[in-house]
Amino acid sequence: MNVYDQAHNLAQAIKESEEFKQFDASRKEIKENPQLDEAVKDLMNRQFEIQAAQMMGNEPDAESMEKLQQLSAIMMQDPLAARYLQCQMRFSMMMADVYKIIGETADMGIGPAAGGENE
């Protein structure tokens, strides 16, 4: 079994998954509306900044969290934006599961058992 061939098979399976198809379709719809596309990018950038700060051990300030929550609430009122964000979340969860499976198989130290006391 060639690992690279299997990787290409996995990539094709991901492209054929409902999660990807729905995400891709909603992403294309968002891109047709430049104002909405910009608002979605802003929301995602804010989320990323907060997550990056948390990963570095810094707690985000209350103002940043409040702005993120307000922006999220506004975005969820737009049906197109809400659909995109939901599709993006489902696709991200599927990809996280795939990464976890590969990481556990390769024992790369990814996942809850990594660095545990039982090692």
N, C-alpha and C. Protein backbone atom coordinates (compact mmCIF):
# COMPACT_ATOMS: atom_id res chain seq x y z
N MET A 1 0.86 -1.18 0.00
CA MET A 1 0.00 0.00 0.00
C MET A 1 0.90 1.24 0.00
N ASN A 2 0.67 2.13 -0.95
CA ASN A 2 1.44 3.36 -1.06
C ASN A 2 0.75 4.45 -0.24
N VAL A 3 1.47 5.00 0.71
CA VAL A 3 0.92 6.02 1.59
C VAL A 3 0.47 7.25 0.80
N TYR A 4 1.23 7.64 -0.20
CA TYR A 4 0.87 8.82 -0.99
C TYR A 4 -0.42 8.60 -1.77
N ASP A 5 -0.57 7.40 -2.30
CA ASP A 5 -1.83 7.09 -3.00
C ASP A 5 -3.01 7.18 -2.03
N GLN A 6 -2.81 6.68 -0.82
CA GLN A 6 -3.87 6.74 0.18
C GLN A 6 -4.17 8.17 0.59
N ALA A 7 -3.13 8.99 0.66
CA ALA A 7 -3.33 10.40 0.98
C ALA A 7 -4.17 11.08 -0.11
N HIS A 8 -3.88 10.74 -1.36
CA HIS A 8 -4.68 11.30 -2.46
C HIS A 8 -6.12 10.79 -2.40
N ASN A 9 -6.29 9.52 -2.02
CA ASN A 9 -7.64 8.97 -1.85
C ASN A 9 -8.39 9.70 -0.74
N LEU A 10 -7.69 9.98 0.35
CA LEU A 10 -8.31 10.72 1.46
C LEU A 10 -8.70 12.12 1.01
N ALA A 11 -7.82 12.77 0.27
CA ALA A 11 -8.13 14.12 -0.22
C ALA A 11 -9.37 14.08 -1.12
N GLN A 12 -9.47 13.08 -1.96
CA GLN A 12 -10.64 12.95 -2.83
C GLN A 12 -11.89 12.67 -2.01
N ALA A 13 -11.78 11.82 -0.99
CA ALA A 13 -12.93 11.52 -0.13
C ALA A 13 -13.40 12.79 0.60
N ILE A 14 -12.46 13.61 1.02
CA ILE A 14 -12.82 14.87 1.69
C ILE A 14 -13.56 15.77 0.71
N LYS A 15 -13.04 15.89 -0.52
CA LYS A 15 -13.70 16.73 -1.53
C LYS A 15 -15.11 16.23 -1.86
N GLU A 16 -15.33 14.92 -1.74
CA GLU A 16 -16.63 14.34 -2.07
C GLU A 16 -17.57 14.29 -0.87
N SER A 17 -17.08 14.67 0.30
CA SER A 17 -17.92 14.61 1.51
C SER A 17 -18.99 15.71 1.47
N GLU A 18 -20.11 15.43 2.10
CA GLU A 18 -21.19 16.43 2.19
C GLU A 18 -20.71 17.67 2.94
N GLU A 19 -19.89 17.47 3.97
CA GLU A 19 -19.38 18.60 4.74
C GLU A 19 -18.62 19.56 3.85
N PHE A 20 -17.74 19.01 3.00
CA PHE A 20 -16.96 19.88 2.11
C PHE A 20 -17.84 20.52 1.05
N LYS A 21 -18.72 19.73 0.44
CA LYS A 21 -19.58 20.26 -0.62
C LYS A 21 -20.44 21.42 -0.11
N GLN A 22 -21.02 21.25 1.06
CA GLN A 22 -21.85 22.31 1.63
C GLN A 22 -21.01 23.53 2.00
N PHE A 23 -19.85 23.29 2.59
CA PHE A 23 -18.96 24.39 2.95
C PHE A 23 -18.52 25.15 1.70
N ASP A 24 -18.11 24.43 0.68
CA ASP A 24 -17.64 25.06 -0.55
C ASP A 24 -18.75 25.86 -1.23
N ALA A 25 -19.96 25.31 -1.27
CA ALA A 25 -21.09 26.02 -1.88
C ALA A 25 -21.41 27.30 -1.11
N SER A 26 -21.42 27.20 0.21
CA SER A 26 -21.73 28.39 1.02
C SER A 26 -20.61 29.42 0.93
N ARG A 27 -19.37 28.95 0.82
CA ARG A 27 -18.23 29.86 0.68
C ARG A 27 -18.34 30.65 -0.64
N LYS A 28 -18.75 29.98 -1.70
CA LYS A 28 -18.91 30.65 -2.99
C LYS A 28 -20.03 31.68 -2.93
N GLU A 29 -21.11 31.35 -2.23
CA GLU A 29 -22.22 32.31 -2.07
C GLU A 29 -21.77 33.55 -1.31
N ILE A 30 -20.99 33.35 -0.27
CA ILE A 30 -20.50 34.48 0.53
C ILE A 30 -19.61 35.38 -0.33
N LYS A 31 -18.76 34.78 -1.15
CA LYS A 31 -17.82 35.56 -1.97
C LYS A 31 -18.55 36.43 -2.99
N GLU A 32 -19.79 36.07 -3.33
CA GLU A 32 -20.57 36.86 -4.29
C GLU A 32 -21.06 38.17 -3.67
N ASN A 33 -20.99 38.27 -2.34
CA ASN A 33 -21.43 39.47 -1.63
C ASN A 33 -20.21 40.05 -0.90
N PRO A 34 -19.50 40.99 -1.54
CA PRO A 34 -18.24 41.49 -0.96
C PRO A 34 -18.39 42.05 0.46
N GLN A 35 -19.50 42.71 0.74
CA GLN A 35 -19.70 43.27 2.08
C GLN A 35 -19.83 42.15 3.12
N LEU A 36 -20.60 41.14 2.79
CA LEU A 36 -20.78 40.01 3.69
C LEU A 36 -19.48 39.22 3.82
N ASP A 37 -18.79 39.06 2.71
CA ASP A 37 -17.51 38.35 2.72
C ASP A 37 -16.53 39.05 3.66
N GLU A 38 -16.48 40.36 3.61
CA GLU A 38 -15.59 41.13 4.48
C GLU A 38 -16.00 40.98 5.95
N ALA A 39 -17.30 41.00 6.22
CA ALA A 39 -17.78 40.86 7.60
C ALA A 39 -17.44 39.47 8.15
N VAL A 40 -17.58 38.44 7.32
CA VAL A 40 -17.24 37.08 7.75
C VAL A 40 -15.75 36.98 8.03
N LYS A 41 -14.94 37.56 7.16
CA LYS A 41 -13.48 37.54 7.38
C LYS A 41 -13.12 38.26 8.68
N ASP A 42 -13.78 39.37 8.95
CA ASP A 42 -13.54 40.11 10.19
C ASP A 42 -13.87 39.25 11.41
N LEU A 43 -15.01 38.59 11.36
CA LEU A 43 -15.41 37.71 12.46
C LEU A 43 -14.37 36.60 12.66
N MET A 44 -13.98 35.97 11.59
CA MET A 44 -13.03 34.86 11.69
C MET A 44 -11.66 35.34 12.18
N ASN A 45 -11.24 36.53 11.75
CA ASN A 45 -9.97 37.08 12.23
C ASN A 45 -10.02 37.35 13.73
N ARG A 46 -11.14 37.89 14.19
CA ARG A 46 -11.29 38.15 15.63
C ARG A 46 -11.26 36.84 16.42
N GLN A 47 -11.94 35.83 15.90
CA GLN A 47 -11.94 34.52 16.56
C GLN A 47 -10.52 33.97 16.62
N PHE A 48 -9.81 34.07 15.52
CA PHE A 48 -8.45 33.56 15.46
C PHE A 48 -7.55 34.28 16.46
N GLU A 49 -7.66 35.60 16.54
CA GLU A 49 -6.83 36.38 17.46
C GLU A 49 -7.08 35.95 18.91
N ILE A 50 -8.34 35.75 19.26
CA ILE A 50 -8.68 35.34 20.62
C ILE A 50 -8.16 33.93 20.89
N GLN A 51 -8.33 33.02 19.93
CA GLN A 51 -7.83 31.65 20.11
C GLN A 51 -6.31 31.64 20.21
N ALA A 52 -5.64 32.43 19.41
CA ALA A 52 -4.18 32.49 19.46
C ALA A 52 -3.71 33.01 20.82
N ALA A 53 -4.39 34.03 21.33
CA ALA A 53 -4.04 34.57 22.64
C ALA A 53 -4.24 33.51 23.72
N GLN A 54 -5.34 32.78 23.63
CA GLN A 54 -5.61 31.74 24.62
C GLN A 54 -4.56 30.64 24.56
N MET A 55 -4.14 30.28 23.36
CA MET A 55 -3.11 29.24 23.21
C MET A 55 -1.79 29.68 23.81
N MET A 56 -1.56 30.99 23.84
CA MET A 56 -0.33 31.53 24.42
C MET A 56 -0.47 31.74 25.93
N GLY A 57 -1.62 31.36 26.47
CA GLY A 57 -1.84 31.48 27.90
C GLY A 57 -2.42 32.82 28.33
N ASN A 58 -2.83 33.63 27.39
CA ASN A 58 -3.40 34.94 27.71
C ASN A 58 -4.92 34.88 27.62
N GLU A 59 -5.55 35.42 28.61
CA GLU A 59 -7.01 35.49 28.58
C GLU A 59 -7.42 36.74 27.81
N PRO A 60 -8.36 36.60 26.87
CA PRO A 60 -8.80 37.78 26.12
C PRO A 60 -9.54 38.75 27.05
N ASP A 61 -9.42 40.03 26.76
CA ASP A 61 -10.09 41.02 27.60
C ASP A 61 -11.60 40.97 27.33
N ALA A 62 -12.34 41.47 28.28
CA ALA A 62 -13.81 41.42 28.21
C ALA A 62 -14.33 42.19 27.00
N GLU A 63 -13.68 43.28 26.65
CA GLU A 63 -14.13 44.08 25.51
C GLU A 63 -14.01 43.29 24.20
N SER A 64 -12.90 42.58 24.03
CA SER A 64 -12.71 41.78 22.82
C SER A 64 -13.75 40.67 22.73
N MET A 65 -14.00 40.03 23.87
CA MET A 65 -14.99 38.95 23.89
C MET A 65 -16.39 39.49 23.59
N GLU A 66 -16.71 40.65 24.14
CA GLU A 66 -18.03 41.24 23.92
C GLU A 66 -18.20 41.62 22.45
N LYS A 67 -17.17 42.20 21.85
CA LYS A 67 -17.23 42.57 20.43
C LYS A 67 -17.41 41.32 19.56
N LEU A 68 -16.70 40.26 19.91
CA LEU A 68 -16.82 39.01 19.16
C LEU A 68 -18.24 38.45 19.27
N GLN A 69 -18.79 38.46 20.47
CA GLN A 69 -20.15 37.95 20.67
C GLN A 69 -21.17 38.80 19.92
N GLN A 70 -21.00 40.11 19.94
CA GLN A 70 -21.92 40.99 19.22
C GLN A 70 -21.84 40.75 17.72
N LEU A 71 -20.63 40.65 17.21
CA LEU A 71 -20.45 40.41 15.78
C LEU A 71 -21.03 39.05 15.39
N SER A 72 -20.82 38.05 16.23
CA SER A 72 -21.37 36.72 15.96
C SER A 72 -22.89 36.76 15.91
N ALA A 73 -23.48 37.46 16.85
CA ALA A 73 -24.95 37.56 16.90
C ALA A 73 -25.48 38.25 15.65
N ILE A 74 -24.81 39.30 15.22
CA ILE A 74 -25.22 40.00 14.00
C ILE A 74 -25.11 39.08 12.79
N MET A 75 -23.99 38.38 12.70
CA MET A 75 -23.77 37.49 11.56
C MET A 75 -24.79 36.36 11.51
N MET A 76 -25.16 35.85 12.67
CA MET A 76 -26.11 34.73 12.70
C MET A 76 -27.51 35.16 12.30
N GLN A 77 -27.78 36.45 12.27
CA GLN A 77 -29.09 36.94 11.83
C GLN A 77 -29.19 36.94 10.30
N ASP A 78 -28.07 36.93 9.63
CA ASP A 78 -28.07 36.86 8.17
C ASP A 78 -28.08 35.38 7.78
N PRO A 79 -29.12 34.94 7.07
CA PRO A 79 -29.23 33.50 6.75
C PRO A 79 -28.03 32.95 5.98
N LEU A 80 -27.50 33.72 5.05
CA LEU A 80 -26.36 33.27 4.27
C LEU A 80 -25.11 33.14 5.14
N ALA A 81 -24.86 34.13 5.97
CA ALA A 81 -23.71 34.09 6.87
C ALA A 81 -23.86 32.95 7.88
N ALA A 82 -25.06 32.79 8.42
CA ALA A 82 -25.30 31.72 9.40
C ALA A 82 -25.05 30.36 8.77
N ARG A 83 -25.54 30.18 7.54
CA ARG A 83 -25.33 28.90 6.85
C ARG A 83 -23.84 28.66 6.63
N TYR A 84 -23.13 29.68 6.18
CA TYR A 84 -21.70 29.55 5.95
C TYR A 84 -20.97 29.16 7.24
N LEU A 85 -21.26 29.86 8.31
CA LEU A 85 -20.57 29.59 9.58
C LEU A 85 -20.88 28.19 10.09
N GLN A 86 -22.12 27.74 9.91
CA GLN A 86 -22.47 26.39 10.33
C GLN A 86 -21.76 25.34 9.47
N CYS A 87 -21.73 25.57 8.16
CA CYS A 87 -21.04 24.65 7.26
C CYS A 87 -19.54 24.62 7.56
N GLN A 88 -18.98 25.78 7.83
CA GLN A 88 -17.56 25.87 8.14
C GLN A 88 -17.25 25.11 9.42
N MET A 89 -18.13 25.22 10.41
CA MET A 89 -17.93 24.51 11.68
C MET A 89 -17.99 22.99 11.48
N ARG A 90 -18.97 22.53 10.72
CA ARG A 90 -19.08 21.08 10.47
C ARG A 90 -17.86 20.56 9.71
N PHE A 91 -17.40 21.32 8.71
CA PHE A 91 -16.22 20.90 7.95
C PHE A 91 -14.98 20.91 8.85
N SER A 92 -14.83 21.92 9.66
CA SER A 92 -13.69 22.00 10.58
C SER A 92 -13.69 20.84 11.57
N MET A 93 -14.87 20.47 12.06
CA MET A 93 -14.95 19.35 12.99
C MET A 93 -14.56 18.04 12.31
N MET A 94 -15.00 17.86 11.06
CA MET A 94 -14.63 16.66 10.32
C MET A 94 -13.12 16.61 10.13
N MET A 95 -12.52 17.74 9.74
CA MET A 95 -11.08 17.78 9.52
C MET A 95 -10.32 17.53 10.83
N ALA A 96 -10.80 18.08 11.93
CA ALA A 96 -10.16 17.84 13.23
C ALA A 96 -10.20 16.35 13.57
N ASP A 97 -11.32 15.71 13.28
CA ASP A 97 -11.42 14.26 13.52
C ASP A 97 -10.41 13.49 12.67
N VAL A 98 -10.28 13.89 11.41
CA VAL A 98 -9.32 13.23 10.51
C VAL A 98 -7.90 13.41 11.04
N TYR A 99 -7.55 14.65 11.43
CA TYR A 99 -6.21 14.90 11.97
C TYR A 99 -5.96 14.06 13.23
N LYS A 100 -6.97 13.95 14.06
CA LYS A 100 -6.83 13.18 15.30
C LYS A 100 -6.58 11.70 14.98
N ILE A 101 -7.34 11.16 14.04
CA ILE A 101 -7.17 9.76 13.67
C ILE A 101 -5.77 9.52 13.13
N ILE A 102 -5.31 10.39 12.25
CA ILE A 102 -3.96 10.24 11.69
C ILE A 102 -2.91 10.40 12.78
N GLY A 103 -3.07 11.39 13.62
CA GLY A 103 -2.12 11.62 14.70
C GLY A 103 -2.04 10.46 15.66
N GLU A 104 -3.19 9.88 16.01
CA GLU A 104 -3.19 8.73 16.92
C GLU A 104 -2.55 7.52 16.27
N THR A 105 -2.83 7.32 15.00
CA THR A 105 -2.27 6.18 14.29
C THR A 105 -0.75 6.28 14.20
N ALA A 106 -0.28 7.46 13.94
CA ALA A 106 1.15 7.68 13.79
C ALA A 106 1.83 7.92 15.14
N ASP A 107 1.04 7.97 16.22
CA ASP A 107 1.56 8.24 17.56
C ASP A 107 2.45 9.47 17.56
N MET A 108 1.90 10.54 16.99
CA MET A 108 2.67 11.78 16.84
C MET A 108 2.51 12.69 18.04
N GLY A 109 1.86 12.22 19.08
CA GLY A 109 1.68 13.07 20.25
C GLY A 109 0.53 14.04 20.11
N ILE A 110 -0.40 13.74 19.22
CA ILE A 110 -1.59 14.58 19.05
C ILE A 110 -2.73 13.91 19.77
N GLY A 111 -3.47 14.66 20.50
CA GLY A 111 -4.65 14.10 21.15
C GLY A 111 -4.50 14.10 22.66
N PRO A 112 -5.55 13.65 23.35
CA PRO A 112 -5.58 13.74 24.80
C PRO A 112 -4.53 12.88 25.50
N ALA A 113 -4.10 11.80 24.89
CA ALA A 113 -3.13 10.94 25.55
C ALA A 113 -1.71 11.48 25.44
N ALA A 114 -1.50 12.45 24.60
CA ALA A 114 -0.15 12.98 24.37
C ALA A 114 0.41 13.61 25.64
N GLY A 115 1.59 13.18 25.96
CA GLY A 115 2.27 13.78 27.10
C GLY A 115 1.63 13.45 28.43
N GLY A 116 0.79 12.45 28.44
CA GLY A 116 0.10 12.09 29.68
C GLY A 116 1.03 11.46 30.69
N GLU A 117 0.52 11.28 31.90
CA GLU A 117 1.34 10.73 32.97
C GLU A 117 1.63 9.26 32.80
N ASN A 118 0.85 8.55 31.96
CA ASN A 118 1.01 7.12 31.80
C ASN A 118 2.11 6.76 30.81
N GLU A 119 2.79 7.73 30.26
CA GLU A 119 3.84 7.43 29.28
C GLU A 119 5.14 7.20 29.95
